[in-house]
Amino acid sequence: NINPICEYSVEKGEVESYGRLFTAKIYELGE
C-alpha cells in the first residue's frame, strides 16, 4: 500500500527541486 503524504522542496544554493513524499507498507517482496 503506497500513499502520497506531502510535497517537498530542497533548496541548495540557487537550485530548488521539488518532489512528492510517499509512505508505503510492503507486504511481500519479490526478486
Full PDB file with SEQRES, HELIX, SHEET, SSBOND, CRYST1, ORIGX, SCALE, CONECT and MASTER records, all heavy atoms in Angstrom:
SEQRES   1 A   31  ASN ILE ASN PRO ILE CYS GLU TYR SER VAL GLU LYS GLY          
SEQRES   2 A   31  GLU VAL GLU SER TYR GLY ARG LEU PHE THR ALA LYS ILE          
SEQRES   3 A   31  TYR GLU LEU GLY GLU                                          
SHEET    1 AA1 2 ILE A   2  LYS A  12  0                                        
SHEET    2 AA1 2 VAL A  15  ALA A  24 -1                                        
CRYST1    1.000    1.000    1.000  90.00  90.00  90.00 P 1           1          
ORIGX1      1.000000  0.000000  0.000000        0.00000                         
ORIGX2      0.000000  1.000000  0.000000        0.00000                         
ORIGX3      0.000000  0.000000  1.000000        0.00000                         
SCALE1      1.000000  0.000000  0.000000        0.00000                         
SCALE2      0.000000  1.000000  0.000000        0.00000                         
SCALE3      0.000000  0.000000  1.000000        0.00000                         
ATOM      1  N   ASN A   1       0.882  -1.175   0.000  1.00  0.00           N  
ATOM      2  CA  ASN A   1       0.000   0.000   0.000  1.00  0.00           C  
ATOM      3  C   ASN A   1       0.912   1.216   0.000  1.00  0.00           C  
ATOM      4  O   ASN A   1       1.795   1.324   0.859  1.00  0.00           O  
ATOM      5  CB  ASN A   1      -0.885   0.040   1.254  1.00  0.00           C  
ATOM      6  CG  ASN A   1      -2.029  -0.938   1.179  1.00  0.00           C  
ATOM      7  OD1 ASN A   1      -2.459  -1.324   0.107  1.00  0.00           O  
ATOM      8  ND2 ASN A   1      -2.529  -1.337   2.337  1.00  0.00           N  
ATOM      9  N   ILE A   2       0.698   2.105  -0.956  1.00  0.00           N  
ATOM     10  CA  ILE A   2       1.505   3.316  -1.053  1.00  0.00           C  
ATOM     11  C   ILE A   2       0.571   4.519  -1.041  1.00  0.00           C  
ATOM     12  O   ILE A   2      -0.482   4.485  -1.692  1.00  0.00           O  
ATOM     13  CB  ILE A   2       2.404   3.296  -2.311  1.00  0.00           C  
ATOM     14  CG1 ILE A   2       3.310   4.531  -2.366  1.00  0.00           C  
ATOM     15  CG2 ILE A   2       1.588   3.132  -3.571  1.00  0.00           C  
ATOM     16  CD1 ILE A   2       4.372   4.462  -3.449  1.00  0.00           C  
ATOM     17  N   ASN A   3       0.953   5.541  -0.281  1.00  0.00           N  
ATOM     18  CA  ASN A   3       0.119   6.735  -0.165  1.00  0.00           C  
ATOM     19  C   ASN A   3       0.972   7.994  -0.218  1.00  0.00           C  
ATOM     20  O   ASN A   3       1.974   8.086   0.494  1.00  0.00           O  
ATOM     21  CB  ASN A   3      -0.642   6.729   1.169  1.00  0.00           C  
ATOM     22  CG  ASN A   3      -1.623   5.592   1.250  1.00  0.00           C  
ATOM     23  OD1 ASN A   3      -2.555   5.521   0.470  1.00  0.00           O  
ATOM     24  ND2 ASN A   3      -1.396   4.679   2.181  1.00  0.00           N  
ATOM     25  N   PRO A   4       0.569   8.968  -1.032  1.00  0.00           N  
ATOM     26  CA  PRO A   4       1.268  10.251  -1.008  1.00  0.00           C  
ATOM     27  C   PRO A   4       0.919  10.981   0.284  1.00  0.00           C  
ATOM     28  O   PRO A   4      -0.227  10.937   0.734  1.00  0.00           O  
ATOM     29  CB  PRO A   4       0.714  10.983  -2.231  1.00  0.00           C  
ATOM     30  CG  PRO A   4      -0.636  10.383  -2.458  1.00  0.00           C  
ATOM     31  CD  PRO A   4      -0.543   8.963  -1.980  1.00  0.00           C  
ATOM     32  N   ILE A   5       1.920  11.624   0.910  1.00  0.00           N  
ATOM     33  CA  ILE A   5       1.626  12.341   2.156  1.00  0.00           C  
ATOM     34  C   ILE A   5       1.872  13.840   2.061  1.00  0.00           C  
ATOM     35  O   ILE A   5       1.211  14.607   2.736  1.00  0.00           O  
ATOM     36  CB  ILE A   5       2.375  11.750   3.367  1.00  0.00           C  
ATOM     37  CG1 ILE A   5       3.875  11.768   3.152  1.00  0.00           C  
ATOM     38  CG2 ILE A   5       1.883  10.355   3.664  1.00  0.00           C  
ATOM     39  CD1 ILE A   5       4.654  11.471   4.416  1.00  0.00           C  
ATOM     40  N   CYS A   6       2.827  14.253   1.236  1.00  0.00           N  
ATOM     41  CA  CYS A   6       3.084  15.685   1.095  1.00  0.00           C  
ATOM     42  C   CYS A   6       4.032  15.909  -0.077  1.00  0.00           C  
ATOM     43  O   CYS A   6       4.542  14.967  -0.673  1.00  0.00           O  
ATOM     44  CB  CYS A   6       3.684  16.274   2.379  1.00  0.00           C  
ATOM     45  SG  CYS A   6       5.349  15.703   2.746  1.00  0.00           S  
ATOM     46  N   GLU A   7       4.250  17.159  -0.358  1.00  0.00           N  
ATOM     47  CA  GLU A   7       5.249  17.545  -1.333  1.00  0.00           C  
ATOM     48  C   GLU A   7       6.362  18.256  -0.584  1.00  0.00           C  
ATOM     49  O   GLU A   7       6.165  18.693   0.551  1.00  0.00           O  
ATOM     50  CB  GLU A   7       4.603  18.418  -2.408  1.00  0.00           C  
ATOM     51  CG  GLU A   7       3.753  17.543  -3.306  1.00  0.00           C  
ATOM     52  CD  GLU A   7       2.541  18.209  -3.918  1.00  0.00           C  
ATOM     53  OE1 GLU A   7       2.347  19.419  -3.757  1.00  0.00           O  
ATOM     54  OE2 GLU A   7       1.764  17.477  -4.556  1.00  0.00           O  
ATOM     55  N   TYR A   8       7.521  18.338  -1.191  1.00  0.00           N  
ATOM     56  CA  TYR A   8       8.665  18.952  -0.515  1.00  0.00           C  
ATOM     57  C   TYR A   8       9.535  19.675  -1.532  1.00  0.00           C  
ATOM     58  O   TYR A   8       9.452  19.432  -2.740  1.00  0.00           O  
ATOM     59  CB  TYR A   8       9.488  17.900   0.246  1.00  0.00           C  
ATOM     60  CG  TYR A   8      10.202  16.931  -0.658  1.00  0.00           C  
ATOM     61  CD1 TYR A   8      11.507  17.194  -1.087  1.00  0.00           C  
ATOM     62  CD2 TYR A   8       9.587  15.776  -1.116  1.00  0.00           C  
ATOM     63  CE1 TYR A   8      12.160  16.321  -1.946  1.00  0.00           C  
ATOM     64  CE2 TYR A   8      10.232  14.902  -1.971  1.00  0.00           C  
ATOM     65  CZ  TYR A   8      11.527  15.179  -2.377  1.00  0.00           C  
ATOM     66  OH  TYR A   8      12.170  14.327  -3.231  1.00  0.00           O  
ATOM     67  N   SER A   9      10.361  20.563  -1.013  1.00  0.00           N  
ATOM     68  CA  SER A   9      11.369  21.205  -1.855  1.00  0.00           C  
ATOM     69  C   SER A   9      12.699  21.169  -1.120  1.00  0.00           C  
ATOM     70  O   SER A   9      12.753  21.189   0.106  1.00  0.00           O  
ATOM     71  CB  SER A   9      10.986  22.651  -2.178  1.00  0.00           C  
ATOM     72  OG  SER A   9      10.971  23.437  -1.007  1.00  0.00           O  
ATOM     73  N   VAL A  10      13.750  21.086  -1.907  1.00  0.00           N  
ATOM     74  CA  VAL A  10      15.109  21.149  -1.388  1.00  0.00           C  
ATOM     75  C   VAL A  10      15.795  22.284  -2.120  1.00  0.00           C  
ATOM     76  O   VAL A  10      15.870  22.283  -3.354  1.00  0.00           O  
ATOM     77  CB  VAL A  10      15.876  19.830  -1.612  1.00  0.00           C  
ATOM     78  CG1 VAL A  10      17.317  19.964  -1.144  1.00  0.00           C  
ATOM     79  CG2 VAL A  10      15.179  18.676  -0.907  1.00  0.00           C  
ATOM     80  N   GLU A  11      16.247  23.262  -1.353  1.00  0.00           N  
ATOM     81  CA  GLU A  11      16.955  24.404  -1.935  1.00  0.00           C  
ATOM     82  C   GLU A  11      18.423  24.293  -1.565  1.00  0.00           C  
ATOM     83  O   GLU A  11      18.782  24.229  -0.391  1.00  0.00           O  
ATOM     84  CB  GLU A  11      16.380  25.713  -1.386  1.00  0.00           C  
ATOM     85  CG  GLU A  11      16.963  26.939  -2.027  1.00  0.00           C  
ATOM     86  CD  GLU A  11      16.344  28.211  -1.462  1.00  0.00           C  
ATOM     87  OE1 GLU A  11      15.128  28.218  -1.190  1.00  0.00           O  
ATOM     88  OE2 GLU A  11      17.104  29.178  -1.272  1.00  0.00           O  
ATOM     89  N   LYS A  12      19.243  24.222  -2.593  1.00  0.00           N  
ATOM     90  CA  LYS A  12      20.684  24.098  -2.411  1.00  0.00           C  
ATOM     91  C   LYS A  12      21.336  25.168  -3.272  1.00  0.00           C  
ATOM     92  O   LYS A  12      21.379  25.038  -4.491  1.00  0.00           O  
ATOM     93  CB  LYS A  12      21.126  22.692  -2.834  1.00  0.00           C  
ATOM     94  CG  LYS A  12      22.441  22.252  -2.316  1.00  0.00           C  
ATOM     95  CD  LYS A  12      22.654  20.788  -2.639  1.00  0.00           C  
ATOM     96  CE  LYS A  12      23.968  20.320  -2.081  1.00  0.00           C  
ATOM     97  NZ  LYS A  12      24.206  18.912  -2.373  1.00  0.00           N  
ATOM     98  N   GLY A  13      21.767  26.238  -2.625  1.00  0.00           N  
ATOM     99  CA  GLY A  13      22.307  27.365  -3.379  1.00  0.00           C  
ATOM    100  C   GLY A  13      21.222  28.008  -4.205  1.00  0.00           C  
ATOM    101  O   GLY A  13      20.158  28.351  -3.712  1.00  0.00           O  
ATOM    102  N   GLU A  14      21.459  28.131  -5.497  1.00  0.00           N  
ATOM    103  CA  GLU A  14      20.494  28.736  -6.415  1.00  0.00           C  
ATOM    104  C   GLU A  14      19.487  27.725  -6.963  1.00  0.00           C  
ATOM    105  O   GLU A  14      18.549  28.090  -7.657  1.00  0.00           O  
ATOM    106  CB  GLU A  14      21.237  29.382  -7.593  1.00  0.00           C  
ATOM    107  CG  GLU A  14      22.167  30.510  -7.185  1.00  0.00           C  
ATOM    108  CD  GLU A  14      21.407  31.728  -6.717  1.00  0.00           C  
ATOM    109  OE1 GLU A  14      20.411  32.107  -7.372  1.00  0.00           O  
ATOM    110  OE2 GLU A  14      21.799  32.300  -5.686  1.00  0.00           O  
ATOM    111  N   VAL A  15      19.713  26.444  -6.681  1.00  0.00           N  
ATOM    112  CA  VAL A  15      18.881  25.387  -7.264  1.00  0.00           C  
ATOM    113  C   VAL A  15      17.830  24.909  -6.261  1.00  0.00           C  
ATOM    114  O   VAL A  15      18.146  24.612  -5.116  1.00  0.00           O  
ATOM    115  CB  VAL A  15      19.756  24.188  -7.701  1.00  0.00           C  
ATOM    116  CG1 VAL A  15      18.897  23.070  -8.273  1.00  0.00           C  
ATOM    117  CG2 VAL A  15      20.808  24.628  -8.703  1.00  0.00           C  
ATOM    118  N   GLU A  16      16.579  24.849  -6.714  1.00  0.00           N  
ATOM    119  CA  GLU A  16      15.492  24.338  -5.888  1.00  0.00           C  
ATOM    120  C   GLU A  16      14.806  23.216  -6.666  1.00  0.00           C  
ATOM    121  O   GLU A  16      14.472  23.375  -7.826  1.00  0.00           O  
ATOM    122  CB  GLU A  16      14.493  25.442  -5.558  1.00  0.00           C  
ATOM    123  CG  GLU A  16      13.439  25.018  -4.565  1.00  0.00           C  
ATOM    124  CD  GLU A  16      12.618  26.196  -4.049  1.00  0.00           C  
ATOM    125  OE1 GLU A  16      12.450  27.191  -4.780  1.00  0.00           O  
ATOM    126  OE2 GLU A  16      12.150  26.100  -2.909  1.00  0.00           O  
ATOM    127  N   SER A  17      14.648  22.064  -6.014  1.00  0.00           N  
ATOM    128  CA  SER A  17      13.967  20.944  -6.661  1.00  0.00           C  
ATOM    129  C   SER A  17      12.791  20.512  -5.800  1.00  0.00           C  
ATOM    130  O   SER A  17      12.794  20.688  -4.583  1.00  0.00           O  
ATOM    131  CB  SER A  17      14.934  19.783  -6.898  1.00  0.00           C  
ATOM    132  OG  SER A  17      15.510  19.362  -5.689  1.00  0.00           O  
ATOM    133  N   TYR A  18      11.788  19.936  -6.459  1.00  0.00           N  
ATOM    134  CA  TYR A  18      10.547  19.550  -5.793  1.00  0.00           C  
ATOM    135  C   TYR A  18      10.278  18.068  -6.000  1.00  0.00           C  
ATOM    136  O   TYR A  18      10.627  17.500  -7.030  1.00  0.00           O  
ATOM    137  CB  TYR A  18       9.365  20.340  -6.368  1.00  0.00           C  
ATOM    138  CG  TYR A  18       9.401  21.802  -6.060  1.00  0.00           C  
ATOM    139  CD1 TYR A  18      10.092  22.685  -6.876  1.00  0.00           C  
ATOM    140  CD2 TYR A  18       8.744  22.309  -4.951  1.00  0.00           C  
ATOM    141  CE1 TYR A  18      10.122  24.040  -6.596  1.00  0.00           C  
ATOM    142  CE2 TYR A  18       8.767  23.656  -4.659  1.00  0.00           C  
ATOM    143  CZ  TYR A  18       9.463  24.523  -5.487  1.00  0.00           C  
ATOM    144  OH  TYR A  18       9.496  25.852  -5.194  1.00  0.00           O  
ATOM    145  N   GLY A  19       9.607  17.482  -5.011  1.00  0.00           N  
ATOM    146  CA  GLY A  19       9.230  16.091  -5.114  1.00  0.00           C  
ATOM    147  C   GLY A  19       7.991  15.803  -4.291  1.00  0.00           C  
ATOM    148  O   GLY A  19       7.472  16.671  -3.591  1.00  0.00           O  
ATOM    149  N   ARG A  20       7.510  14.572  -4.400  1.00  0.00           N  
ATOM    150  CA  ARG A  20       6.381  14.120  -3.592  1.00  0.00           C  
ATOM    151  C   ARG A  20       6.890  13.007  -2.686  1.00  0.00           C  
ATOM    152  O   ARG A  20       7.602  12.106  -3.140  1.00  0.00           O  
ATOM    153  CB  ARG A  20       5.248  13.616  -4.478  1.00  0.00           C  
ATOM    154  CG  ARG A  20       4.048  13.125  -3.643  1.00  0.00           C  
ATOM    155  CD  ARG A  20       2.805  12.964  -4.472  1.00  0.00           C  
ATOM    156  NE  ARG A  20       2.245  14.277  -4.783  1.00  0.00           N  
ATOM    157  CZ  ARG A  20       1.269  14.470  -5.666  1.00  0.00           C  
ATOM    158  NH1 ARG A  20       0.748  13.448  -6.324  1.00  0.00           N  
ATOM    159  NH2 ARG A  20       0.800  15.678  -5.902  1.00  0.00           N  
ATOM    160  N   LEU A  21       6.521  13.088  -1.423  1.00  0.00           N  
ATOM    161  CA  LEU A  21       6.901  12.093  -0.433  1.00  0.00           C  
ATOM    162  C   LEU A  21       5.732  11.141  -0.215  1.00  0.00           C  
ATOM    163  O   LEU A  21       4.585  11.580  -0.052  1.00  0.00           O  
ATOM    164  CB  LEU A  21       7.284  12.787   0.881  1.00  0.00           C  
ATOM    165  CG  LEU A  21       7.697  11.897   2.052  1.00  0.00           C  
ATOM    166  CD1 LEU A  21       8.936  11.069   1.721  1.00  0.00           C  
ATOM    167  CD2 LEU A  21       7.952  12.762   3.292  1.00  0.00           C  
ATOM    168  N   PHE A  22       6.041   9.860  -0.220  1.00  0.00           N  
ATOM    169  CA  PHE A  22       5.061   8.794  -0.036  1.00  0.00           C  
ATOM    170  C   PHE A  22       5.435   7.954   1.185  1.00  0.00           C  
ATOM    171  O   PHE A  22       6.597   7.920   1.582  1.00  0.00           O  
ATOM    172  CB  PHE A  22       5.063   7.841  -1.245  1.00  0.00           C  
ATOM    173  CG  PHE A  22       4.674   8.455  -2.543  1.00  0.00           C  
ATOM    174  CD1 PHE A  22       5.597   9.181  -3.291  1.00  0.00           C  
ATOM    175  CD2 PHE A  22       3.397   8.291  -3.046  1.00  0.00           C  
ATOM    176  CE1 PHE A  22       5.245   9.736  -4.513  1.00  0.00           C  
ATOM    177  CE2 PHE A  22       3.036   8.841  -4.278  1.00  0.00           C  
ATOM    178  CZ  PHE A  22       3.962   9.571  -5.005  1.00  0.00           C  
ATOM    179  N   THR A  23       4.461   7.250   1.713  1.00  0.00           N  
ATOM    180  CA  THR A  23       4.734   6.167   2.650  1.00  0.00           C  
ATOM    181  C   THR A  23       4.232   4.891   2.001  1.00  0.00           C  
ATOM    182  O   THR A  23       3.253   4.910   1.252  1.00  0.00           O  
ATOM    183  CB  THR A  23       4.040   6.357   4.015  1.00  0.00           C  
ATOM    184  OG1 THR A  23       2.627   6.436   3.811  1.00  0.00           O  
ATOM    185  CG2 THR A  23       4.533   7.601   4.730  1.00  0.00           C  
ATOM    186  N   ALA A  24       4.917   3.804   2.282  1.00  0.00           N  
ATOM    187  CA  ALA A  24       4.494   2.516   1.742  1.00  0.00           C  
ATOM    188  C   ALA A  24       4.679   1.438   2.800  1.00  0.00           C  
ATOM    189  O   ALA A  24       5.710   1.389   3.470  1.00  0.00           O  
ATOM    190  CB  ALA A  24       5.295   2.155   0.499  1.00  0.00           C  
ATOM    191  N   LYS A  25       3.672   0.617   2.924  1.00  0.00           N  
ATOM    192  CA  LYS A  25       3.767  -0.582   3.753  1.00  0.00           C  
ATOM    193  C   LYS A  25       3.852  -1.749   2.784  1.00  0.00           C  
ATOM    194  O   LYS A  25       2.925  -1.975   1.997  1.00  0.00           O  
ATOM    195  CB  LYS A  25       2.571  -0.714   4.684  1.00  0.00           C  
ATOM    196  CG  LYS A  25       2.690  -1.887   5.615  1.00  0.00           C  
ATOM    197  CD  LYS A  25       1.646  -1.864   6.700  1.00  0.00           C  
ATOM    198  CE  LYS A  25       1.931  -3.011   7.647  1.00  0.00           C  
ATOM    199  NZ  LYS A  25       1.517  -2.725   8.987  1.00  0.00           N  
ATOM    200  N   ILE A  26       4.967  -2.452   2.830  1.00  0.00           N  
ATOM    201  CA  ILE A  26       5.198  -3.562   1.919  1.00  0.00           C  
ATOM    202  C   ILE A  26       4.799  -4.859   2.616  1.00  0.00           C  
ATOM    203  O   ILE A  26       5.204  -5.110   3.753  1.00  0.00           O  
ATOM    204  CB  ILE A  26       6.681  -3.598   1.480  1.00  0.00           C  
ATOM    205  CG1 ILE A  26       7.037  -2.297   0.750  1.00  0.00           C  
ATOM    206  CG2 ILE A  26       6.955  -4.813   0.591  1.00  0.00           C  
ATOM    207  CD1 ILE A  26       8.518  -2.124   0.474  1.00  0.00           C  
ATOM    208  N   TYR A  27       4.020  -5.665   1.919  1.00  0.00           N  
ATOM    209  CA  TYR A  27       3.565  -6.946   2.464  1.00  0.00           C  
ATOM    210  C   TYR A  27       4.322  -8.129   1.872  1.00  0.00           C  
ATOM    211  O   TYR A  27       4.429  -9.173   2.510  1.00  0.00           O  
ATOM    212  CB  TYR A  27       2.063  -7.125   2.214  1.00  0.00           C  
ATOM    213  CG  TYR A  27       1.242  -6.031   2.843  1.00  0.00           C  
ATOM    214  CD1 TYR A  27       0.719  -5.002   2.071  1.00  0.00           C  
ATOM    215  CD2 TYR A  27       1.021  -6.007   4.213  1.00  0.00           C  
ATOM    216  CE1 TYR A  27      -0.023  -3.980   2.647  1.00  0.00           C  
ATOM    217  CE2 TYR A  27       0.280  -4.989   4.796  1.00  0.00           C  
ATOM    218  CZ  TYR A  27      -0.234  -3.988   4.008  1.00  0.00           C  
ATOM    219  OH  TYR A  27      -0.954  -2.966   4.573  1.00  0.00           O  
ATOM    220  N   GLU A  28       4.803  -7.954   0.639  1.00  0.00           N  
ATOM    221  CA  GLU A  28       5.533  -9.052   0.002  1.00  0.00           C  
ATOM    222  C   GLU A  28       6.636  -8.488  -0.882  1.00  0.00           C  
ATOM    223  O   GLU A  28       6.398  -7.589  -1.696  1.00  0.00           O  
ATOM    224  CB  GLU A  28       4.581  -9.895  -0.850  1.00  0.00           C  
ATOM    225  CG  GLU A  28       5.249 -11.079  -1.504  1.00  0.00           C  
ATOM    226  CD  GLU A  28       4.316 -11.903  -2.372  1.00  0.00           C  
ATOM    227  OE1 GLU A  28       3.091 -11.638  -2.384  1.00  0.00           O  
ATOM    228  OE2 GLU A  28       4.817 -12.813  -3.050  1.00  0.00           O  
ATOM    229  N   LEU A  29       7.835  -9.031  -0.703  1.00  0.00           N  
ATOM    230  CA  LEU A  29       8.972  -8.664  -1.538  1.00  0.00           C  
ATOM    231  C   LEU A  29       9.271  -9.798  -2.503  1.00  0.00           C  
ATOM    232  O   LEU A  29       9.252 -10.971  -2.118  1.00  0.00           O  
ATOM    233  CB  LEU A  29      10.218  -8.396  -0.681  1.00  0.00           C  
ATOM    234  CG  LEU A  29      10.230  -7.113   0.133  1.00  0.00           C  
ATOM    235  CD1 LEU A  29      11.419  -7.093   1.080  1.00  0.00           C  
ATOM    236  CD2 LEU A  29      10.258  -5.902  -0.781  1.00  0.00           C  
ATOM    237  N   GLY A  30       9.558  -9.431  -3.730  1.00  0.00           N  
ATOM    238  CA  GLY A  30       9.960 -10.410  -4.736  1.00  0.00           C  
ATOM    239  C   GLY A  30      11.435 -10.236  -5.036  1.00  0.00           C  
ATOM    240  O   GLY A  30      12.181  -9.621  -4.268  1.00  0.00           O  
ATOM    241  N   GLU A  31      11.828 -10.722  -6.182  1.00  0.00           N  
ATOM    242  CA  GLU A  31      13.216 -10.601  -6.606  1.00  0.00           C  
ATOM    243  C   GLU A  31      13.521  -9.145  -6.959  1.00  0.00           C  
ATOM    244  O   GLU A  31      12.722  -8.462  -7.588  1.00  0.00           O  
ATOM    245  CB  GLU A  31      13.445 -11.495  -7.827  1.00  0.00           C  
ATOM    246  CG  GLU A  31      14.885 -11.617  -8.221  1.00  0.00           C  
ATOM    247  CD  GLU A  31      15.081 -12.644  -9.323  1.00  0.00           C  
ATOM    248  OE1 GLU A  31      14.425 -13.706  -9.260  1.00  0.00           O  
ATOM    249  OE2 GLU A  31      15.872 -12.369 -10.233  1.00  0.00           O  
TER     250      GLU A  31                                                      
MASTER        0    0    0    0    2    0    0    6  249    1    0    3          
END                                                                             
